[in-house]
């Protein structure tokens, strides 16, 4: 387990990163990538969407282009403060919470989205099961995470920091969490077009 796959360490990390996050983030996760990921989903104008690990609201902003019924959740109060500052009190609703214990009733959301968060989850399968629980039967869940590097040197570095994974790992995690119709797309900025792995899966009807 990497050093940032610890909730207390991750909160401390984002206490400081939140100050510059929106300036650094585009080098790893940019608007074009967000648009490409959103095109993998079928979000209707009346759909309710949950953004798990919403951070400063970058993903939330993109989702709001499709529906006004959006909830953002994060375990970092500093990231949430930036999201509220950026997007205000509406239409998106933000709340403090843990991906492994989502504070929502079952079958609440049509779509569950999570970008740049799974790598910090100590128990990703547990959190994915929570995503499935709060999504309605037949609903979609999309997760963007860091693709496992090909170089053995970078693999050792990645393993020491946080969760990096490939399509085979994602298949295993999503299967254990009870999803079906699992598909993967790699994406990234120009300097590394496969830096991220995006997985879309469906909750059994």
N, C-alpha and C. Protein backbone atom coordinates (compact mmCIF):
# COMPACT_ATOMS: atom_id res chain seq x y z
N UNK A 1 0.84 -1.20 0.00
CA UNK A 1 0.00 0.00 0.00
C UNK A 1 0.88 1.25 0.00
N UNK A 2 0.57 2.21 -0.87
CA UNK A 2 1.37 3.42 -0.97
C UNK A 2 1.14 4.37 0.20
N UNK A 3 2.05 5.31 0.35
CA UNK A 3 1.99 6.20 1.51
C UNK A 3 0.73 7.08 1.51
N UNK A 4 0.17 7.36 0.32
CA UNK A 4 -1.03 8.21 0.27
C UNK A 4 -2.33 7.40 0.27
N UNK A 5 -2.23 6.07 0.34
CA UNK A 5 -3.43 5.25 0.51
C UNK A 5 -3.76 5.14 2.00
N UNK A 6 -3.72 6.25 2.63
CA UNK A 6 -4.00 6.40 4.05
C UNK A 6 -4.80 7.69 4.19
N UNK A 7 -5.98 7.62 4.77
CA UNK A 7 -6.90 8.76 4.75
C UNK A 7 -6.33 9.98 5.46
N UNK A 8 -5.67 9.78 6.57
CA UNK A 8 -5.11 10.92 7.30
C UNK A 8 -3.99 11.57 6.50
N UNK A 9 -3.11 10.75 5.91
CA UNK A 9 -2.02 11.32 5.11
C UNK A 9 -2.57 12.04 3.88
N UNK A 10 -3.58 11.45 3.26
CA UNK A 10 -4.17 12.07 2.06
C UNK A 10 -4.80 13.42 2.40
N UNK A 11 -5.48 13.50 3.55
CA UNK A 11 -6.07 14.78 3.97
C UNK A 11 -4.99 15.83 4.19
N UNK A 12 -3.90 15.42 4.85
CA UNK A 12 -2.80 16.35 5.08
C UNK A 12 -2.18 16.78 3.75
N UNK A 13 -2.00 15.85 2.84
CA UNK A 13 -1.45 16.14 1.52
C UNK A 13 -2.29 17.19 0.81
N UNK A 14 -3.61 17.01 0.84
CA UNK A 14 -4.48 17.94 0.12
C UNK A 14 -4.71 19.25 0.88
N UNK A 15 -4.38 19.27 2.14
CA UNK A 15 -4.43 20.55 2.86
C UNK A 15 -3.53 21.57 2.19
N UNK A 16 -2.38 21.10 1.70
CA UNK A 16 -1.41 21.99 1.05
C UNK A 16 -1.59 22.01 -0.47
N UNK A 17 -1.88 20.84 -1.07
CA UNK A 17 -2.04 20.80 -2.52
C UNK A 17 -3.25 21.60 -2.98
N UNK A 18 -4.28 21.70 -2.15
CA UNK A 18 -5.49 22.42 -2.54
C UNK A 18 -5.20 23.87 -2.92
N UNK A 19 -4.11 24.44 -2.37
CA UNK A 19 -3.77 25.83 -2.66
C UNK A 19 -3.37 26.03 -4.12
N UNK A 20 -2.82 24.99 -4.74
CA UNK A 20 -2.34 25.10 -6.13
C UNK A 20 -2.96 24.06 -7.05
N UNK A 21 -3.90 23.28 -6.54
CA UNK A 21 -4.42 22.13 -7.27
C UNK A 21 -4.92 22.49 -8.67
N UNK A 22 -5.70 23.56 -8.77
CA UNK A 22 -6.29 23.91 -10.06
C UNK A 22 -5.27 24.40 -11.07
N UNK A 23 -4.09 24.76 -10.60
CA UNK A 23 -3.03 25.15 -11.53
C UNK A 23 -2.20 23.94 -11.97
N UNK A 24 -2.10 22.94 -11.10
CA UNK A 24 -1.31 21.75 -11.39
C UNK A 24 -2.12 20.70 -12.15
N UNK A 25 -3.37 20.56 -11.80
CA UNK A 25 -4.21 19.49 -12.32
C UNK A 25 -4.26 19.40 -13.85
N UNK A 26 -4.32 20.52 -14.61
CA UNK A 26 -4.43 20.41 -16.06
C UNK A 26 -3.27 19.68 -16.73
N UNK A 27 -2.13 19.56 -16.06
CA UNK A 27 -1.00 18.83 -16.64
C UNK A 27 -1.22 17.32 -16.59
N UNK A 28 -2.20 16.88 -15.79
CA UNK A 28 -2.48 15.45 -15.63
C UNK A 28 -3.89 15.09 -16.08
N UNK A 29 -4.83 15.96 -15.76
CA UNK A 29 -6.25 15.68 -16.02
C UNK A 29 -6.88 16.98 -16.52
N UNK A 30 -7.06 17.07 -17.84
CA UNK A 30 -7.46 18.34 -18.43
C UNK A 30 -8.89 18.29 -18.98
N UNK A 31 -9.34 19.41 -19.54
CA UNK A 31 -10.73 19.52 -20.00
C UNK A 31 -11.04 18.55 -21.14
N UNK A 32 -10.09 18.35 -22.05
CA UNK A 32 -10.34 17.43 -23.15
C UNK A 32 -10.54 16.02 -22.62
N UNK A 33 -9.72 15.61 -21.67
CA UNK A 33 -9.86 14.28 -21.08
C UNK A 33 -11.20 14.16 -20.37
N UNK A 34 -11.58 15.20 -19.65
CA UNK A 34 -12.88 15.19 -18.95
C UNK A 34 -14.02 15.05 -19.94
N UNK A 35 -13.94 15.79 -21.05
CA UNK A 35 -14.98 15.70 -22.08
C UNK A 35 -15.04 14.30 -22.67
N UNK A 36 -13.87 13.72 -22.95
CA UNK A 36 -13.83 12.37 -23.51
C UNK A 36 -14.45 11.36 -22.54
N UNK A 37 -14.18 11.53 -21.25
CA UNK A 37 -14.75 10.63 -20.26
C UNK A 37 -16.26 10.80 -20.16
N UNK A 38 -16.72 12.03 -20.17
CA UNK A 38 -18.17 12.28 -20.09
C UNK A 38 -18.91 11.70 -21.29
N UNK A 39 -18.26 11.65 -22.44
CA UNK A 39 -18.90 11.09 -23.63
C UNK A 39 -19.10 9.58 -23.53
N UNK A 40 -18.46 8.94 -22.57
CA UNK A 40 -18.65 7.51 -22.35
C UNK A 40 -19.92 7.22 -21.56
N UNK A 41 -20.55 8.26 -21.02
CA UNK A 41 -21.74 8.11 -20.18
C UNK A 41 -22.99 8.58 -20.90
N UNK A 42 -24.11 8.08 -20.43
CA UNK A 42 -25.42 8.52 -20.95
C UNK A 42 -26.11 9.34 -19.87
N UNK A 43 -25.70 10.59 -19.71
CA UNK A 43 -26.27 11.44 -18.68
C UNK A 43 -27.41 12.25 -19.28
N UNK A 44 -28.62 12.05 -18.74
CA UNK A 44 -29.78 12.82 -19.16
C UNK A 44 -29.91 14.09 -18.35
N UNK A 45 -30.68 15.03 -18.85
CA UNK A 45 -30.82 16.32 -18.17
C UNK A 45 -31.50 16.19 -16.80
N UNK A 46 -32.25 15.13 -16.59
CA UNK A 46 -32.93 14.93 -15.30
C UNK A 46 -32.21 13.92 -14.41
N UNK A 47 -31.06 13.44 -14.83
CA UNK A 47 -30.34 12.44 -14.05
C UNK A 47 -29.69 13.06 -12.83
N UNK A 48 -29.62 12.26 -11.78
CA UNK A 48 -28.90 12.66 -10.57
C UNK A 48 -27.53 11.98 -10.58
N UNK A 49 -26.48 12.77 -10.41
CA UNK A 49 -25.11 12.27 -10.53
C UNK A 49 -24.34 12.56 -9.26
N UNK A 50 -23.56 11.57 -8.81
CA UNK A 50 -22.68 11.73 -7.66
C UNK A 50 -21.24 11.76 -8.14
N UNK A 51 -20.48 12.76 -7.68
CA UNK A 51 -19.05 12.88 -7.98
C UNK A 51 -18.29 12.51 -6.70
N UNK A 52 -17.74 11.29 -6.69
CA UNK A 52 -17.04 10.78 -5.50
C UNK A 52 -15.58 11.21 -5.56
N UNK A 53 -15.13 11.88 -4.51
CA UNK A 53 -13.78 12.43 -4.52
C UNK A 53 -13.71 13.62 -5.45
N UNK A 54 -14.64 14.53 -5.28
CA UNK A 54 -14.83 15.64 -6.23
C UNK A 54 -13.70 16.65 -6.19
N UNK A 55 -12.89 16.66 -5.13
CA UNK A 55 -11.80 17.61 -5.05
C UNK A 55 -12.29 19.05 -5.14
N UNK A 56 -11.65 19.83 -5.99
CA UNK A 56 -12.03 21.24 -6.15
C UNK A 56 -13.18 21.44 -7.12
N UNK A 57 -13.78 20.33 -7.58
CA UNK A 57 -14.97 20.43 -8.42
C UNK A 57 -14.71 20.44 -9.92
N UNK A 58 -13.52 20.00 -10.34
CA UNK A 58 -13.22 20.01 -11.77
C UNK A 58 -14.14 19.05 -12.53
N UNK A 59 -14.28 17.84 -12.03
CA UNK A 59 -15.21 16.91 -12.66
C UNK A 59 -16.64 17.38 -12.54
N UNK A 60 -16.97 17.94 -11.40
CA UNK A 60 -18.33 18.44 -11.16
C UNK A 60 -18.72 19.49 -12.19
N UNK A 61 -17.79 20.37 -12.53
CA UNK A 61 -18.06 21.39 -13.55
C UNK A 61 -18.48 20.76 -14.87
N UNK A 62 -17.79 19.72 -15.27
CA UNK A 62 -18.13 19.05 -16.52
C UNK A 62 -19.48 18.37 -16.46
N UNK A 63 -19.77 17.73 -15.33
CA UNK A 63 -21.06 17.05 -15.17
C UNK A 63 -22.20 18.05 -15.23
N UNK A 64 -22.00 19.25 -14.68
CA UNK A 64 -23.03 20.28 -14.68
C UNK A 64 -23.39 20.75 -16.09
N UNK A 65 -22.60 20.44 -17.07
CA UNK A 65 -22.95 20.76 -18.45
C UNK A 65 -24.02 19.82 -18.99
N UNK A 66 -24.29 18.74 -18.24
CA UNK A 66 -25.26 17.73 -18.67
C UNK A 66 -26.51 17.69 -17.79
N UNK A 67 -26.36 17.98 -16.51
CA UNK A 67 -27.48 17.94 -15.58
C UNK A 67 -27.20 18.88 -14.41
N UNK A 68 -28.27 19.42 -13.82
CA UNK A 68 -28.11 20.31 -12.66
C UNK A 68 -28.18 19.56 -11.34
N UNK A 69 -28.53 18.28 -11.38
CA UNK A 69 -28.73 17.50 -10.15
C UNK A 69 -27.46 16.74 -9.82
N UNK A 70 -26.50 17.44 -9.22
CA UNK A 70 -25.17 16.88 -8.99
C UNK A 70 -24.78 17.03 -7.53
N UNK A 71 -24.22 15.96 -6.98
CA UNK A 71 -23.70 15.96 -5.63
C UNK A 71 -22.20 15.69 -5.68
N UNK A 72 -21.42 16.47 -4.95
CA UNK A 72 -19.99 16.25 -4.87
C UNK A 72 -19.60 15.87 -3.46
N UNK A 73 -18.77 14.85 -3.31
CA UNK A 73 -18.34 14.37 -2.00
C UNK A 73 -16.83 14.25 -1.98
N UNK A 74 -16.23 14.66 -0.86
CA UNK A 74 -14.78 14.53 -0.71
C UNK A 74 -14.44 14.41 0.76
N UNK A 75 -13.32 13.75 1.05
CA UNK A 75 -12.88 13.61 2.45
C UNK A 75 -11.93 14.72 2.86
N UNK A 76 -11.59 15.62 1.91
CA UNK A 76 -10.71 16.74 2.24
C UNK A 76 -11.51 18.02 2.41
N UNK A 77 -11.58 18.56 3.61
CA UNK A 77 -12.32 19.82 3.80
C UNK A 77 -11.71 20.96 3.01
N UNK A 78 -10.41 20.92 2.77
CA UNK A 78 -9.74 21.99 2.04
C UNK A 78 -10.11 21.95 0.55
N UNK A 79 -10.19 20.74 -0.02
CA UNK A 79 -10.63 20.62 -1.41
C UNK A 79 -12.09 21.04 -1.55
N UNK A 80 -12.92 20.63 -0.61
CA UNK A 80 -14.34 21.00 -0.65
C UNK A 80 -14.52 22.52 -0.56
N UNK A 81 -13.70 23.15 0.26
CA UNK A 81 -13.79 24.61 0.37
C UNK A 81 -13.50 25.28 -0.97
N UNK A 82 -12.52 24.75 -1.70
CA UNK A 82 -12.21 25.28 -3.02
C UNK A 82 -13.36 25.04 -3.99
N UNK A 83 -13.98 23.87 -3.91
CA UNK A 83 -15.11 23.56 -4.80
C UNK A 83 -16.28 24.51 -4.54
N UNK A 84 -16.58 24.74 -3.26
CA UNK A 84 -17.68 25.64 -2.92
C UNK A 84 -17.36 27.07 -3.34
N UNK A 85 -16.11 27.46 -3.19
CA UNK A 85 -15.69 28.81 -3.59
C UNK A 85 -15.84 28.98 -5.10
N UNK A 86 -15.52 27.94 -5.84
CA UNK A 86 -15.55 28.00 -7.30
C UNK A 86 -16.98 27.92 -7.85
N UNK A 87 -17.81 27.02 -7.28
CA UNK A 87 -19.12 26.74 -7.87
C UNK A 87 -20.28 27.27 -7.04
N UNK A 88 -19.99 27.81 -5.87
CA UNK A 88 -21.06 28.38 -5.06
C UNK A 88 -21.91 27.31 -4.40
N UNK A 89 -23.09 27.71 -3.93
CA UNK A 89 -23.97 26.80 -3.20
C UNK A 89 -24.93 26.04 -4.11
N UNK A 90 -24.98 26.34 -5.37
CA UNK A 90 -25.90 25.63 -6.26
C UNK A 90 -25.51 25.85 -7.69
N UNK A 91 -25.96 24.93 -8.58
CA UNK A 91 -26.85 23.81 -8.31
C UNK A 91 -26.18 22.59 -7.68
N UNK A 92 -24.85 22.48 -7.77
CA UNK A 92 -24.18 21.33 -7.17
C UNK A 92 -24.22 21.42 -5.65
N UNK A 93 -24.41 20.28 -5.02
CA UNK A 93 -24.40 20.22 -3.56
C UNK A 93 -23.18 19.43 -3.11
N UNK A 94 -22.40 20.01 -2.19
CA UNK A 94 -21.16 19.39 -1.74
C UNK A 94 -21.28 18.92 -0.30
N UNK A 95 -20.64 17.78 -0.03
CA UNK A 95 -20.67 17.28 1.34
C UNK A 95 -19.37 16.55 1.66
N UNK A 96 -19.02 16.55 2.92
CA UNK A 96 -17.85 15.85 3.42
C UNK A 96 -18.21 14.38 3.60
N UNK A 97 -17.35 13.49 3.15
CA UNK A 97 -17.67 12.08 3.31
C UNK A 97 -16.56 11.17 2.83
N UNK A 98 -16.73 9.90 3.11
CA UNK A 98 -15.75 8.86 2.84
C UNK A 98 -16.27 7.97 1.72
N UNK A 99 -15.44 7.72 0.71
CA UNK A 99 -15.85 6.87 -0.42
C UNK A 99 -16.19 5.46 0.02
N UNK A 100 -15.63 5.01 1.12
CA UNK A 100 -15.91 3.65 1.59
C UNK A 100 -17.17 3.56 2.44
N UNK A 101 -17.74 4.72 2.77
CA UNK A 101 -19.00 4.76 3.55
C UNK A 101 -19.82 5.95 3.06
N UNK A 102 -20.34 5.82 1.87
CA UNK A 102 -21.07 6.94 1.26
C UNK A 102 -22.34 7.25 2.05
N UNK A 103 -22.57 8.52 2.39
CA UNK A 103 -23.70 8.90 3.23
C UNK A 103 -24.99 9.10 2.43
N UNK A 104 -25.35 8.10 1.61
CA UNK A 104 -26.54 8.18 0.78
C UNK A 104 -27.29 6.86 0.82
N UNK A 105 -28.59 6.94 0.60
CA UNK A 105 -29.41 5.74 0.54
C UNK A 105 -29.10 4.94 -0.72
N UNK A 106 -29.44 3.67 -0.71
CA UNK A 106 -29.26 2.83 -1.88
C UNK A 106 -30.13 3.33 -3.04
N UNK A 107 -29.67 3.08 -4.25
CA UNK A 107 -30.43 3.39 -5.48
C UNK A 107 -30.78 4.87 -5.59
N UNK A 108 -29.85 5.75 -5.23
CA UNK A 108 -30.11 7.19 -5.21
C UNK A 108 -29.72 7.88 -6.50
N UNK A 109 -28.67 7.39 -7.19
CA UNK A 109 -28.09 8.12 -8.32
C UNK A 109 -28.21 7.34 -9.62
N UNK A 110 -28.42 8.09 -10.69
CA UNK A 110 -28.44 7.47 -12.02
C UNK A 110 -27.03 7.18 -12.52
N UNK A 111 -26.09 8.03 -12.14
CA UNK A 111 -24.69 7.89 -12.55
C UNK A 111 -23.81 8.22 -11.35
N UNK A 112 -22.75 7.44 -11.18
CA UNK A 112 -21.72 7.75 -10.18
C UNK A 112 -20.40 7.94 -10.92
N UNK A 113 -19.77 9.07 -10.67
CA UNK A 113 -18.53 9.47 -11.34
C UNK A 113 -17.44 9.63 -10.29
N UNK A 114 -16.23 9.22 -10.62
CA UNK A 114 -15.10 9.46 -9.73
C UNK A 114 -13.84 9.60 -10.56
N UNK A 115 -13.21 10.76 -10.50
CA UNK A 115 -11.98 11.00 -11.27
C UNK A 115 -10.87 11.46 -10.34
N UNK A 116 -9.75 10.73 -10.37
CA UNK A 116 -8.61 11.11 -9.55
C UNK A 116 -8.80 10.88 -8.07
N UNK A 117 -9.54 9.84 -7.72
CA UNK A 117 -9.79 9.58 -6.30
C UNK A 117 -9.45 8.15 -5.91
N UNK A 118 -9.71 7.19 -6.79
CA UNK A 118 -9.54 5.77 -6.43
C UNK A 118 -8.12 5.46 -5.96
N UNK A 119 -7.14 6.20 -6.47
CA UNK A 119 -5.75 5.92 -6.10
C UNK A 119 -5.46 6.17 -4.62
N UNK A 120 -6.37 6.89 -3.94
CA UNK A 120 -6.19 7.17 -2.51
C UNK A 120 -7.03 6.24 -1.63
N UNK A 121 -7.86 5.40 -2.22
CA UNK A 121 -8.76 4.55 -1.44
C UNK A 121 -7.99 3.37 -0.86
N UNK A 122 -7.93 3.23 0.46
CA UNK A 122 -7.24 2.08 1.05
C UNK A 122 -7.87 0.75 0.64
N UNK A 123 -9.19 0.75 0.45
CA UNK A 123 -9.92 -0.47 0.09
C UNK A 123 -10.79 -0.17 -1.13
N UNK A 124 -10.19 -0.19 -2.33
CA UNK A 124 -10.94 0.22 -3.51
C UNK A 124 -12.16 -0.62 -3.81
N UNK A 125 -12.10 -1.92 -3.56
CA UNK A 125 -13.27 -2.76 -3.84
C UNK A 125 -14.43 -2.38 -2.92
N UNK A 126 -14.12 -2.08 -1.67
CA UNK A 126 -15.16 -1.63 -0.73
C UNK A 126 -15.82 -0.36 -1.23
N UNK A 127 -15.01 0.59 -1.70
CA UNK A 127 -15.56 1.85 -2.21
C UNK A 127 -16.35 1.63 -3.49
N UNK A 128 -15.88 0.75 -4.35
CA UNK A 128 -16.64 0.44 -5.57
C UNK A 128 -17.98 -0.21 -5.25
N UNK A 129 -18.01 -1.04 -4.24
CA UNK A 129 -19.29 -1.63 -3.81
C UNK A 129 -20.24 -0.55 -3.30
N UNK A 130 -19.67 0.46 -2.63
CA UNK A 130 -20.49 1.58 -2.18
C UNK A 130 -21.04 2.36 -3.38
N UNK A 131 -20.20 2.56 -4.40
CA UNK A 131 -20.67 3.22 -5.61
C UNK A 131 -21.82 2.44 -6.25
N UNK A 132 -21.68 1.12 -6.28
CA UNK A 132 -22.75 0.29 -6.84
C UNK A 132 -24.01 0.37 -5.98
N UNK A 133 -23.84 0.39 -4.67
CA UNK A 133 -25.00 0.44 -3.77
C UNK A 133 -25.83 1.69 -3.99
N UNK A 134 -25.17 2.84 -4.12
CA UNK A 134 -25.93 4.10 -4.22
C UNK A 134 -26.42 4.38 -5.64
N UNK A 135 -25.92 3.61 -6.62
CA UNK A 135 -26.39 3.78 -8.00
C UNK A 135 -27.64 2.93 -8.23
N UNK A 136 -28.52 3.43 -9.05
CA UNK A 136 -29.75 2.70 -9.35
C UNK A 136 -29.47 1.50 -10.24
N UNK A 137 -30.30 0.45 -10.16
CA UNK A 137 -30.12 -0.70 -11.05
C UNK A 137 -30.09 -0.26 -12.51
N UNK A 138 -29.11 -0.73 -13.23
CA UNK A 138 -28.93 -0.32 -14.62
C UNK A 138 -28.13 0.95 -14.79
N UNK A 139 -27.79 1.62 -13.69
CA UNK A 139 -27.04 2.87 -13.76
C UNK A 139 -25.57 2.64 -14.09
N UNK A 140 -24.91 3.71 -14.47
CA UNK A 140 -23.51 3.64 -14.85
C UNK A 140 -22.61 4.19 -13.75
N UNK A 141 -21.43 3.60 -13.65
CA UNK A 141 -20.39 4.09 -12.76
C UNK A 141 -19.12 4.26 -13.59
N UNK A 142 -18.50 5.44 -13.49
CA UNK A 142 -17.26 5.72 -14.21
C UNK A 142 -16.19 6.09 -13.20
N UNK A 143 -15.02 5.48 -13.36
CA UNK A 143 -13.89 5.75 -12.47
C UNK A 143 -12.65 6.02 -13.31
N UNK A 144 -12.00 7.14 -13.05
CA UNK A 144 -10.74 7.47 -13.70
C UNK A 144 -9.63 7.35 -12.67
N UNK A 145 -8.61 6.56 -13.00
CA UNK A 145 -7.48 6.39 -12.10
C UNK A 145 -6.18 6.37 -12.86
N UNK A 146 -5.06 6.29 -12.17
CA UNK A 146 -3.75 6.31 -12.82
C UNK A 146 -3.39 4.95 -13.41
N UNK A 147 -3.09 4.94 -14.70
CA UNK A 147 -2.70 3.71 -15.39
C UNK A 147 -1.33 3.24 -14.90
N UNK A 148 -1.19 1.94 -14.74
CA UNK A 148 0.08 1.38 -14.24
C UNK A 148 1.19 1.62 -15.26
N UNK A 149 2.31 2.21 -14.85
CA UNK A 149 3.38 2.52 -15.80
C UNK A 149 4.05 1.25 -16.34
N UNK A 150 4.61 1.36 -17.54
CA UNK A 150 5.27 0.22 -18.15
C UNK A 150 6.69 0.01 -17.66
N UNK A 151 7.36 1.07 -17.24
CA UNK A 151 8.75 0.98 -16.79
C UNK A 151 8.81 0.40 -15.38
N UNK A 152 9.73 -0.54 -15.15
CA UNK A 152 9.86 -1.17 -13.83
C UNK A 152 10.29 -0.15 -12.78
N UNK A 153 11.09 0.83 -13.18
CA UNK A 153 11.52 1.86 -12.24
C UNK A 153 10.33 2.69 -11.78
N UNK A 154 9.48 3.12 -12.74
CA UNK A 154 8.30 3.90 -12.39
C UNK A 154 7.26 3.06 -11.66
N UNK A 155 7.23 1.76 -11.94
CA UNK A 155 6.32 0.88 -11.22
C UNK A 155 6.64 0.86 -9.73
N UNK A 156 7.92 0.77 -9.40
CA UNK A 156 8.32 0.76 -7.98
C UNK A 156 7.97 2.08 -7.31
N UNK A 157 8.20 3.18 -8.03
CA UNK A 157 7.86 4.49 -7.49
C UNK A 157 6.35 4.62 -7.30
N UNK A 158 5.59 4.19 -8.31
CA UNK A 158 4.13 4.26 -8.24
C UNK A 158 3.60 3.45 -7.07
N UNK A 159 4.09 2.23 -6.91
CA UNK A 159 3.61 1.35 -5.83
C UNK A 159 3.89 1.95 -4.46
N UNK A 160 4.95 2.75 -4.36
CA UNK A 160 5.30 3.34 -3.06
C UNK A 160 4.42 4.52 -2.70
N UNK A 161 3.76 5.11 -3.70
CA UNK A 161 3.00 6.34 -3.45
C UNK A 161 1.51 6.08 -3.28
N UNK A 162 0.90 5.41 -4.26
CA UNK A 162 -0.56 5.23 -4.24
C UNK A 162 -0.93 4.10 -5.16
N UNK A 163 -2.21 3.88 -5.35
CA UNK A 163 -2.69 2.81 -6.20
C UNK A 163 -2.58 3.18 -7.67
N UNK A 164 -1.80 2.42 -8.41
CA UNK A 164 -1.78 2.46 -9.86
C UNK A 164 -2.24 1.08 -10.33
N UNK A 165 -2.95 0.99 -11.43
CA UNK A 165 -3.49 -0.30 -11.84
C UNK A 165 -3.70 -0.33 -13.35
N UNK A 166 -3.82 -1.54 -13.89
CA UNK A 166 -4.06 -1.71 -15.32
C UNK A 166 -5.46 -2.28 -15.54
N UNK A 167 -5.78 -2.57 -16.80
CA UNK A 167 -7.12 -3.04 -17.14
C UNK A 167 -7.44 -4.36 -16.45
N UNK A 168 -6.44 -5.24 -16.33
CA UNK A 168 -6.67 -6.52 -15.66
C UNK A 168 -7.02 -6.32 -14.19
N UNK A 169 -6.30 -5.41 -13.54
CA UNK A 169 -6.61 -5.10 -12.13
C UNK A 169 -8.00 -4.51 -12.01
N UNK A 170 -8.35 -3.60 -12.94
CA UNK A 170 -9.67 -2.96 -12.90
C UNK A 170 -10.77 -4.00 -13.11
N UNK A 171 -10.56 -4.93 -14.04
CA UNK A 171 -11.55 -6.00 -14.26
C UNK A 171 -11.79 -6.77 -12.97
N UNK A 172 -10.72 -7.09 -12.27
CA UNK A 172 -10.85 -7.85 -11.03
C UNK A 172 -11.61 -7.04 -9.98
N UNK A 173 -11.24 -5.76 -9.80
CA UNK A 173 -11.88 -4.94 -8.77
C UNK A 173 -13.36 -4.74 -9.06
N UNK A 174 -13.68 -4.43 -10.30
CA UNK A 174 -15.08 -4.18 -10.64
C UNK A 174 -15.91 -5.46 -10.59
N UNK A 175 -15.30 -6.60 -10.93
CA UNK A 175 -16.02 -7.88 -10.81
C UNK A 175 -16.30 -8.20 -9.34
N UNK A 176 -15.31 -8.00 -8.48
CA UNK A 176 -15.51 -8.25 -7.05
C UNK A 176 -16.58 -7.33 -6.47
N UNK A 177 -16.68 -6.13 -7.04
CA UNK A 177 -17.67 -5.17 -6.53
C UNK A 177 -19.07 -5.42 -7.10
N UNK A 178 -19.18 -6.35 -8.05
CA UNK A 178 -20.51 -6.74 -8.54
C UNK A 178 -21.02 -6.02 -9.77
N UNK A 179 -20.11 -5.45 -10.57
CA UNK A 179 -20.52 -4.73 -11.78
C UNK A 179 -20.54 -5.66 -12.98
N UNK A 180 -21.19 -5.18 -14.04
CA UNK A 180 -21.19 -5.89 -15.31
C UNK A 180 -20.91 -4.89 -16.44
N UNK A 181 -20.71 -5.41 -17.65
CA UNK A 181 -20.43 -4.58 -18.84
C UNK A 181 -19.28 -3.62 -18.58
N UNK A 182 -18.17 -4.15 -18.09
CA UNK A 182 -17.02 -3.33 -17.73
C UNK A 182 -16.16 -3.06 -18.97
N UNK A 183 -15.86 -1.79 -19.21
CA UNK A 183 -15.03 -1.39 -20.34
C UNK A 183 -13.99 -0.37 -19.89
N UNK A 184 -12.84 -0.36 -20.58
CA UNK A 184 -11.75 0.54 -20.22
C UNK A 184 -11.29 1.36 -21.41
N UNK A 185 -10.91 2.60 -21.13
CA UNK A 185 -10.32 3.48 -22.13
C UNK A 185 -9.12 4.17 -21.48
N UNK A 186 -7.98 4.18 -22.16
CA UNK A 186 -6.85 4.95 -21.65
C UNK A 186 -6.87 6.33 -22.28
N UNK A 187 -6.43 7.31 -21.52
CA UNK A 187 -6.42 8.69 -22.00
C UNK A 187 -5.34 9.47 -21.26
N UNK A 188 -5.03 10.64 -21.80
CA UNK A 188 -4.03 11.46 -21.14
C UNK A 188 -3.70 12.69 -21.95
N UNK A 189 -2.90 13.59 -21.39
CA UNK A 189 -2.44 14.77 -22.13
C UNK A 189 -1.46 14.35 -23.22
N UNK A 190 -1.09 15.29 -24.08
CA UNK A 190 -0.27 14.99 -25.23
C UNK A 190 1.04 14.31 -24.90
N UNK A 191 1.67 14.66 -23.79
CA UNK A 191 2.97 14.09 -23.47
C UNK A 191 2.88 12.65 -22.99
N UNK A 192 1.69 12.22 -22.58
CA UNK A 192 1.49 10.83 -22.13
C UNK A 192 0.02 10.45 -22.31
N UNK A 193 -0.36 10.01 -23.52
CA UNK A 193 -1.78 9.77 -23.81
C UNK A 193 -2.38 8.56 -23.11
N UNK A 194 -1.60 7.82 -22.34
CA UNK A 194 -2.13 6.67 -21.62
C UNK A 194 -1.87 6.78 -20.11
N UNK A 195 -1.77 7.99 -19.62
CA UNK A 195 -1.45 8.19 -18.20
C UNK A 195 -2.62 7.79 -17.29
N UNK A 196 -3.84 7.84 -17.83
CA UNK A 196 -5.03 7.53 -17.03
C UNK A 196 -5.80 6.36 -17.63
N UNK A 197 -6.42 5.57 -16.78
CA UNK A 197 -7.30 4.52 -17.23
C UNK A 197 -8.71 4.84 -16.75
N UNK A 198 -9.64 4.89 -17.69
CA UNK A 198 -11.03 5.21 -17.38
C UNK A 198 -11.88 3.96 -17.56
N UNK A 199 -12.59 3.60 -16.52
CA UNK A 199 -13.42 2.40 -16.53
C UNK A 199 -14.88 2.80 -16.40
N UNK A 200 -15.69 2.24 -17.28
CA UNK A 200 -17.14 2.44 -17.21
C UNK A 200 -17.78 1.09 -17.00
N UNK A 201 -18.68 1.00 -16.04
CA UNK A 201 -19.36 -0.25 -15.75
C UNK A 201 -20.82 0.02 -15.45
N UNK A 202 -21.61 -1.02 -15.48
CA UNK A 202 -23.04 -0.87 -15.24
C UNK A 202 -23.46 -1.68 -14.03
N UNK A 203 -24.39 -1.12 -13.26
CA UNK A 203 -24.97 -1.82 -12.13
C UNK A 203 -26.00 -2.81 -12.67
N UNK A 204 -25.95 -4.07 -12.24
CA UNK A 204 -26.93 -5.04 -12.73
C UNK A 204 -28.36 -4.55 -12.53
N UNK A 205 -29.19 -4.74 -13.55
CA UNK A 205 -30.59 -4.29 -13.49
C UNK A 205 -31.39 -5.16 -12.55
